Amino acid sequence: MDNLALIKSTYEGANSQENAKNTAAALAADARWTEAAGFPYAGTYIGFDAVVENVFKRLATEWEGFAFTVENYVAQGDKVFAYGNYSGVYKATGKPLNARVAHLWTLKDGKVTHFEQFVDSHTVQLAIKDR
């Protein structure tokens, strides 16, 4: 499987469980996963288990219908870039989210070594702030 097909498999599975399974298989054991500053789960996490605990579980419990809709992909060498929009409703405020986002994946020998999120954190903050 080439790099683009591998990354597509993390977004385009039949359901979120399949996407998570594909993501777990794609990540190197010591992969670095970075959520952008200003995002509620900002930070860098090492390995799939840390990503599940600090990002995926929170997205699943704190948001209603949270989704990343991929608009397109750009692949070159060891990098794959996926961009589109986040959407969902933050449960604590009842406010909707529609934020532009990009994910940059870096791969080596068929495994993801680094993931970095770029997001319009202002729109995310508007959804999670109760004002």
N, C-alpha and C. Protein backbone atom coordinates (compact mmCIF):
# COMPACT_ATOMS: atom_id res chain seq x y z
N MET A 1 0.86 -1.18 0.00
CA MET A 1 0.00 0.00 0.00
C MET A 1 0.90 1.24 0.00
N ASP A 2 0.62 2.19 -0.90
CA ASP A 2 1.43 3.41 -0.92
C ASP A 2 0.99 4.35 0.20
N ASN A 3 1.78 5.42 0.40
CA ASN A 3 1.51 6.34 1.52
C ASN A 3 0.13 6.97 1.45
N LEU A 4 -0.29 7.40 0.27
CA LEU A 4 -1.60 8.03 0.14
C LEU A 4 -2.72 7.04 0.48
N ALA A 5 -2.64 5.84 -0.03
CA ALA A 5 -3.67 4.83 0.27
C ALA A 5 -3.70 4.51 1.76
N LEU A 6 -2.54 4.45 2.39
CA LEU A 6 -2.48 4.17 3.83
C LEU A 6 -3.20 5.26 4.62
N ILE A 7 -2.93 6.51 4.31
CA ILE A 7 -3.56 7.61 5.04
C ILE A 7 -5.06 7.68 4.72
N LYS A 8 -5.44 7.47 3.48
CA LYS A 8 -6.86 7.44 3.14
C LYS A 8 -7.60 6.38 3.97
N SER A 9 -6.94 5.28 4.25
CA SER A 9 -7.58 4.21 5.02
C SER A 9 -7.92 4.64 6.44
N THR A 10 -7.24 5.67 6.95
CA THR A 10 -7.52 6.14 8.31
C THR A 10 -8.73 7.06 8.37
N TYR A 11 -9.20 7.52 7.22
CA TYR A 11 -10.35 8.42 7.14
C TYR A 11 -11.56 7.78 6.46
N GLU A 12 -11.33 6.87 5.55
CA GLU A 12 -12.38 6.42 4.64
C GLU A 12 -12.89 5.01 4.91
N GLY A 13 -12.74 4.55 6.16
CA GLY A 13 -13.28 3.24 6.52
C GLY A 13 -14.79 3.28 6.59
N ALA A 14 -15.39 2.13 6.81
CA ALA A 14 -16.85 2.02 6.88
C ALA A 14 -17.43 2.74 8.09
N ASN A 15 -16.61 2.90 9.16
CA ASN A 15 -17.07 3.56 10.38
C ASN A 15 -15.86 4.02 11.19
N SER A 16 -16.12 4.71 12.30
CA SER A 16 -15.02 5.25 13.09
C SER A 16 -14.17 4.15 13.72
N GLN A 17 -14.77 3.01 14.04
CA GLN A 17 -13.99 1.90 14.59
C GLN A 17 -12.99 1.36 13.56
N GLU A 18 -13.41 1.26 12.31
CA GLU A 18 -12.50 0.81 11.26
C GLU A 18 -11.39 1.84 11.04
N ASN A 19 -11.74 3.11 11.07
CA ASN A 19 -10.72 4.16 10.92
C ASN A 19 -9.71 4.08 12.06
N ALA A 20 -10.18 3.87 13.29
CA ALA A 20 -9.27 3.75 14.43
C ALA A 20 -8.36 2.53 14.29
N LYS A 21 -8.92 1.42 13.85
CA LYS A 21 -8.12 0.20 13.63
C LYS A 21 -7.05 0.46 12.58
N ASN A 22 -7.42 1.13 11.50
CA ASN A 22 -6.46 1.44 10.44
C ASN A 22 -5.40 2.43 10.91
N THR A 23 -5.81 3.38 11.74
CA THR A 23 -4.85 4.34 12.29
C THR A 23 -3.86 3.62 13.20
N ALA A 24 -4.34 2.75 14.05
CA ALA A 24 -3.46 1.98 14.94
C ALA A 24 -2.44 1.18 14.13
N ALA A 25 -2.88 0.58 13.05
CA ALA A 25 -1.99 -0.22 12.21
C ALA A 25 -0.99 0.66 11.46
N ALA A 26 -1.38 1.89 11.13
CA ALA A 26 -0.52 2.78 10.35
C ALA A 26 0.58 3.42 11.18
N LEU A 27 0.32 3.64 12.48
CA LEU A 27 1.28 4.37 13.31
C LEU A 27 2.45 3.50 13.74
N ALA A 28 3.65 4.08 13.66
CA ALA A 28 4.82 3.45 14.27
C ALA A 28 4.61 3.47 15.79
N ALA A 29 5.24 2.55 16.49
CA ALA A 29 5.04 2.46 17.95
C ALA A 29 5.38 3.76 18.66
N ASP A 30 6.36 4.50 18.14
CA ASP A 30 6.80 5.75 18.77
C ASP A 30 6.37 6.98 17.97
N ALA A 31 5.30 6.85 17.20
CA ALA A 31 4.81 7.98 16.40
C ALA A 31 4.46 9.15 17.29
N ARG A 32 4.77 10.35 16.81
CA ARG A 32 4.46 11.59 17.52
C ARG A 32 3.20 12.20 16.90
N TRP A 33 2.20 12.46 17.73
CA TRP A 33 0.90 12.98 17.29
C TRP A 33 0.73 14.35 17.93
N THR A 34 0.68 15.41 17.13
CA THR A 34 0.60 16.77 17.66
C THR A 34 -0.72 17.43 17.31
N GLU A 35 -1.46 17.79 18.35
CA GLU A 35 -2.68 18.58 18.22
C GLU A 35 -2.30 20.05 18.41
N ALA A 36 -2.86 20.92 17.59
CA ALA A 36 -2.48 22.33 17.52
C ALA A 36 -2.77 23.10 18.81
N ALA A 37 -1.93 24.10 19.06
CA ALA A 37 -2.19 25.04 20.15
C ALA A 37 -3.54 25.69 19.91
N GLY A 38 -4.31 25.89 20.97
CA GLY A 38 -5.64 26.48 20.85
C GLY A 38 -6.73 25.44 20.67
N PHE A 39 -6.36 24.21 20.30
CA PHE A 39 -7.31 23.12 20.22
C PHE A 39 -7.46 22.55 21.62
N PRO A 40 -8.65 22.10 22.04
CA PRO A 40 -8.83 21.65 23.43
C PRO A 40 -7.91 20.50 23.84
N TYR A 41 -7.38 19.77 22.90
CA TYR A 41 -6.54 18.61 23.22
C TYR A 41 -5.09 18.85 22.79
N ALA A 42 -4.68 20.12 22.77
CA ALA A 42 -3.35 20.51 22.32
C ALA A 42 -2.26 19.75 23.05
N GLY A 43 -1.22 19.42 22.31
CA GLY A 43 -0.08 18.74 22.88
C GLY A 43 0.46 17.71 21.91
N THR A 44 1.54 17.07 22.30
CA THR A 44 2.13 16.01 21.50
C THR A 44 2.07 14.72 22.30
N TYR A 45 1.55 13.69 21.67
CA TYR A 45 1.35 12.39 22.30
C TYR A 45 2.16 11.36 21.54
N ILE A 46 2.73 10.41 22.27
CA ILE A 46 3.59 9.40 21.66
C ILE A 46 2.87 8.05 21.67
N GLY A 47 2.65 7.50 20.48
CA GLY A 47 2.04 6.19 20.35
C GLY A 47 0.52 6.23 20.33
N PHE A 48 -0.07 5.18 19.77
CA PHE A 48 -1.51 5.13 19.56
C PHE A 48 -2.30 5.18 20.86
N ASP A 49 -1.87 4.47 21.89
CA ASP A 49 -2.62 4.46 23.15
C ASP A 49 -2.74 5.86 23.74
N ALA A 50 -1.68 6.65 23.66
CA ALA A 50 -1.73 8.03 24.18
C ALA A 50 -2.68 8.89 23.36
N VAL A 51 -2.74 8.65 22.05
CA VAL A 51 -3.66 9.40 21.19
C VAL A 51 -5.10 9.04 21.54
N VAL A 52 -5.36 7.77 21.75
CA VAL A 52 -6.71 7.33 22.12
C VAL A 52 -7.14 8.01 23.42
N GLU A 53 -6.29 7.96 24.45
CA GLU A 53 -6.63 8.53 25.75
C GLU A 53 -6.82 10.04 25.72
N ASN A 54 -5.92 10.74 25.03
CA ASN A 54 -5.89 12.20 25.09
C ASN A 54 -6.68 12.92 23.99
N VAL A 55 -7.02 12.19 22.93
CA VAL A 55 -7.72 12.83 21.81
C VAL A 55 -9.01 12.08 21.47
N PHE A 56 -8.90 10.85 20.99
CA PHE A 56 -10.06 10.14 20.46
C PHE A 56 -11.18 9.94 21.49
N LYS A 57 -10.84 9.53 22.70
CA LYS A 57 -11.88 9.33 23.72
C LYS A 57 -12.58 10.64 24.06
N ARG A 58 -11.83 11.72 24.12
CA ARG A 58 -12.42 13.01 24.44
C ARG A 58 -13.32 13.50 23.31
N LEU A 59 -12.87 13.31 22.06
CA LEU A 59 -13.72 13.69 20.93
C LEU A 59 -15.04 12.92 20.98
N ALA A 60 -14.96 11.64 21.32
CA ALA A 60 -16.15 10.79 21.34
C ALA A 60 -17.10 11.13 22.48
N THR A 61 -16.59 11.64 23.59
CA THR A 61 -17.45 11.90 24.75
C THR A 61 -17.84 13.36 24.91
N GLU A 62 -17.04 14.28 24.41
CA GLU A 62 -17.31 15.71 24.61
C GLU A 62 -18.06 16.36 23.46
N TRP A 63 -18.18 15.65 22.33
CA TRP A 63 -18.81 16.20 21.13
C TRP A 63 -19.93 15.29 20.66
N GLU A 64 -20.94 15.89 20.08
CA GLU A 64 -22.00 15.14 19.40
C GLU A 64 -21.72 15.22 17.91
N GLY A 65 -21.54 14.05 17.29
CA GLY A 65 -21.36 14.00 15.84
C GLY A 65 -20.07 14.61 15.33
N PHE A 66 -19.02 14.61 16.14
CA PHE A 66 -17.75 15.18 15.68
C PHE A 66 -17.26 14.42 14.46
N ALA A 67 -16.86 15.17 13.43
CA ALA A 67 -16.38 14.53 12.20
C ALA A 67 -15.36 15.42 11.51
N PHE A 68 -14.45 14.78 10.80
CA PHE A 68 -13.54 15.47 9.90
C PHE A 68 -13.93 15.05 8.50
N THR A 69 -14.41 15.98 7.70
CA THR A 69 -14.77 15.71 6.32
C THR A 69 -13.60 16.13 5.45
N VAL A 70 -12.95 15.15 4.82
CA VAL A 70 -11.80 15.43 3.99
C VAL A 70 -12.26 16.02 2.66
N GLU A 71 -11.70 17.15 2.32
CA GLU A 71 -11.97 17.77 1.03
C GLU A 71 -11.05 17.20 -0.04
N ASN A 72 -9.78 17.00 0.32
CA ASN A 72 -8.83 16.46 -0.64
C ASN A 72 -7.53 16.08 0.07
N TYR A 73 -6.65 15.44 -0.69
CA TYR A 73 -5.35 15.00 -0.21
C TYR A 73 -4.27 15.53 -1.15
N VAL A 74 -3.08 15.76 -0.59
CA VAL A 74 -1.90 16.06 -1.38
C VAL A 74 -0.80 15.14 -0.87
N ALA A 75 -0.18 14.40 -1.77
CA ALA A 75 0.88 13.47 -1.37
C ALA A 75 2.14 13.76 -2.17
N GLN A 76 3.25 13.79 -1.44
CA GLN A 76 4.55 13.96 -2.10
C GLN A 76 5.61 13.29 -1.24
N GLY A 77 6.25 12.30 -1.80
CA GLY A 77 7.31 11.60 -1.08
C GLY A 77 6.79 11.00 0.22
N ASP A 78 7.42 11.37 1.34
CA ASP A 78 7.06 10.79 2.64
C ASP A 78 6.01 11.61 3.38
N LYS A 79 5.36 12.56 2.70
CA LYS A 79 4.35 13.42 3.33
C LYS A 79 3.00 13.24 2.64
N VAL A 80 1.94 13.21 3.47
CA VAL A 80 0.57 13.22 2.97
C VAL A 80 -0.17 14.28 3.77
N PHE A 81 -0.86 15.13 3.05
CA PHE A 81 -1.59 16.25 3.63
C PHE A 81 -3.07 16.03 3.33
N ALA A 82 -3.90 15.99 4.37
CA ALA A 82 -5.35 15.88 4.21
C ALA A 82 -5.96 17.16 4.74
N TYR A 83 -6.88 17.75 3.97
CA TYR A 83 -7.49 18.98 4.44
C TYR A 83 -8.99 18.97 4.20
N GLY A 84 -9.69 19.74 5.05
CA GLY A 84 -11.14 19.79 4.97
C GLY A 84 -11.71 20.57 6.14
N ASN A 85 -12.80 20.01 6.74
CA ASN A 85 -13.50 20.70 7.83
C ASN A 85 -13.83 19.76 8.98
N TYR A 86 -13.71 20.29 10.20
CA TYR A 86 -14.26 19.64 11.38
C TYR A 86 -15.68 20.15 11.55
N SER A 87 -16.56 19.26 12.03
CA SER A 87 -17.91 19.67 12.39
C SER A 87 -18.36 18.86 13.60
N GLY A 88 -19.38 19.36 14.24
CA GLY A 88 -19.94 18.69 15.41
C GLY A 88 -20.54 19.73 16.33
N VAL A 89 -21.07 19.25 17.45
CA VAL A 89 -21.65 20.14 18.46
C VAL A 89 -20.97 19.81 19.79
N TYR A 90 -20.44 20.85 20.44
CA TYR A 90 -19.81 20.65 21.74
C TYR A 90 -20.90 20.46 22.78
N LYS A 91 -20.92 19.32 23.45
CA LYS A 91 -22.01 18.96 24.35
C LYS A 91 -22.19 19.95 25.51
N ALA A 92 -21.09 20.42 26.08
CA ALA A 92 -21.18 21.29 27.26
C ALA A 92 -21.83 22.64 26.96
N THR A 93 -21.72 23.12 25.71
CA THR A 93 -22.28 24.43 25.36
C THR A 93 -23.45 24.32 24.39
N GLY A 94 -23.56 23.20 23.69
CA GLY A 94 -24.58 23.05 22.67
C GLY A 94 -24.28 23.84 21.40
N LYS A 95 -23.06 24.35 21.29
CA LYS A 95 -22.68 25.18 20.14
C LYS A 95 -22.06 24.32 19.04
N PRO A 96 -22.42 24.66 17.79
CA PRO A 96 -21.86 23.90 16.66
C PRO A 96 -20.45 24.37 16.30
N LEU A 97 -19.75 23.49 15.62
CA LEU A 97 -18.40 23.76 15.15
C LEU A 97 -18.35 23.54 13.65
N ASN A 98 -17.70 24.46 12.97
CA ASN A 98 -17.34 24.28 11.57
C ASN A 98 -16.00 24.96 11.40
N ALA A 99 -14.92 24.19 11.39
CA ALA A 99 -13.57 24.75 11.37
C ALA A 99 -12.74 24.13 10.25
N ARG A 100 -11.99 24.98 9.57
CA ARG A 100 -11.05 24.48 8.56
C ARG A 100 -9.90 23.79 9.28
N VAL A 101 -9.43 22.71 8.68
CA VAL A 101 -8.38 21.92 9.32
C VAL A 101 -7.53 21.24 8.26
N ALA A 102 -6.29 20.99 8.63
CA ALA A 102 -5.38 20.21 7.79
C ALA A 102 -4.59 19.27 8.69
N HIS A 103 -4.34 18.09 8.18
CA HIS A 103 -3.52 17.10 8.88
C HIS A 103 -2.32 16.79 8.00
N LEU A 104 -1.13 16.88 8.58
CA LEU A 104 0.10 16.55 7.87
C LEU A 104 0.65 15.26 8.47
N TRP A 105 0.75 14.25 7.63
CA TRP A 105 1.27 12.94 8.03
C TRP A 105 2.66 12.76 7.44
N THR A 106 3.61 12.31 8.24
CA THR A 106 4.95 11.98 7.76
C THR A 106 5.15 10.49 7.95
N LEU A 107 5.64 9.83 6.90
CA LEU A 107 5.80 8.37 6.92
C LEU A 107 7.24 7.96 6.63
N LYS A 108 7.60 6.80 7.13
CA LYS A 108 8.90 6.20 6.84
C LYS A 108 8.70 4.70 6.82
N ASP A 109 9.12 4.07 5.74
CA ASP A 109 9.03 2.61 5.60
C ASP A 109 7.60 2.10 5.83
N GLY A 110 6.61 2.84 5.32
CA GLY A 110 5.23 2.39 5.40
C GLY A 110 4.54 2.59 6.74
N LYS A 111 5.15 3.36 7.63
CA LYS A 111 4.55 3.65 8.93
C LYS A 111 4.56 5.16 9.18
N VAL A 112 3.52 5.62 9.86
CA VAL A 112 3.43 7.03 10.23
C VAL A 112 4.38 7.29 11.39
N THR A 113 5.27 8.26 11.21
CA THR A 113 6.19 8.64 12.28
C THR A 113 5.76 9.93 12.96
N HIS A 114 4.95 10.73 12.26
CA HIS A 114 4.49 11.99 12.84
C HIS A 114 3.18 12.43 12.20
N PHE A 115 2.30 12.93 13.04
CA PHE A 115 1.04 13.53 12.62
C PHE A 115 1.01 14.92 13.22
N GLU A 116 0.62 15.92 12.41
CA GLU A 116 0.48 17.27 12.95
C GLU A 116 -0.82 17.87 12.44
N GLN A 117 -1.59 18.43 13.38
CA GLN A 117 -2.86 19.07 13.08
C GLN A 117 -2.66 20.58 12.97
N PHE A 118 -3.30 21.17 11.97
CA PHE A 118 -3.38 22.62 11.81
C PHE A 118 -4.87 22.94 11.75
N VAL A 119 -5.35 23.81 12.63
CA VAL A 119 -6.79 24.06 12.70
C VAL A 119 -7.07 25.52 13.01
N ASP A 120 -8.19 26.01 12.53
CA ASP A 120 -8.66 27.34 12.89
C ASP A 120 -9.16 27.26 14.33
N SER A 121 -8.25 27.44 15.27
CA SER A 121 -8.59 27.24 16.68
C SER A 121 -9.55 28.30 17.19
N HIS A 122 -9.63 29.45 16.56
CA HIS A 122 -10.58 30.47 16.99
C HIS A 122 -12.01 29.93 16.89
N THR A 123 -12.34 29.28 15.78
CA THR A 123 -13.70 28.76 15.63
C THR A 123 -13.96 27.62 16.61
N VAL A 124 -12.92 26.86 16.95
CA VAL A 124 -13.08 25.80 17.95
C VAL A 124 -13.36 26.42 19.31
N GLN A 125 -12.60 27.44 19.66
CA GLN A 125 -12.80 28.12 20.95
C GLN A 125 -14.19 28.73 21.06
N LEU A 126 -14.73 29.25 19.96
CA LEU A 126 -16.08 29.81 19.99
C LEU A 126 -17.11 28.73 20.32
N ALA A 127 -16.87 27.50 19.87
CA ALA A 127 -17.80 26.41 20.15
C ALA A 127 -17.72 25.93 21.58
N ILE A 128 -16.53 25.96 22.17
CA ILE A 128 -16.39 25.37 23.52
C ILE A 128 -16.55 26.39 24.64
N LYS A 129 -16.54 27.66 24.32
CA LYS A 129 -16.70 28.70 25.35
C LYS A 129 -18.18 28.95 25.57
N ASP A 130 -18.57 29.01 26.84
CA ASP A 130 -19.98 29.23 27.18
C ASP A 130 -20.20 30.72 27.44
N ARG A 131 -20.34 31.47 26.36
CA ARG A 131 -20.63 32.92 26.47
C ARG A 131 -21.54 33.34 25.37
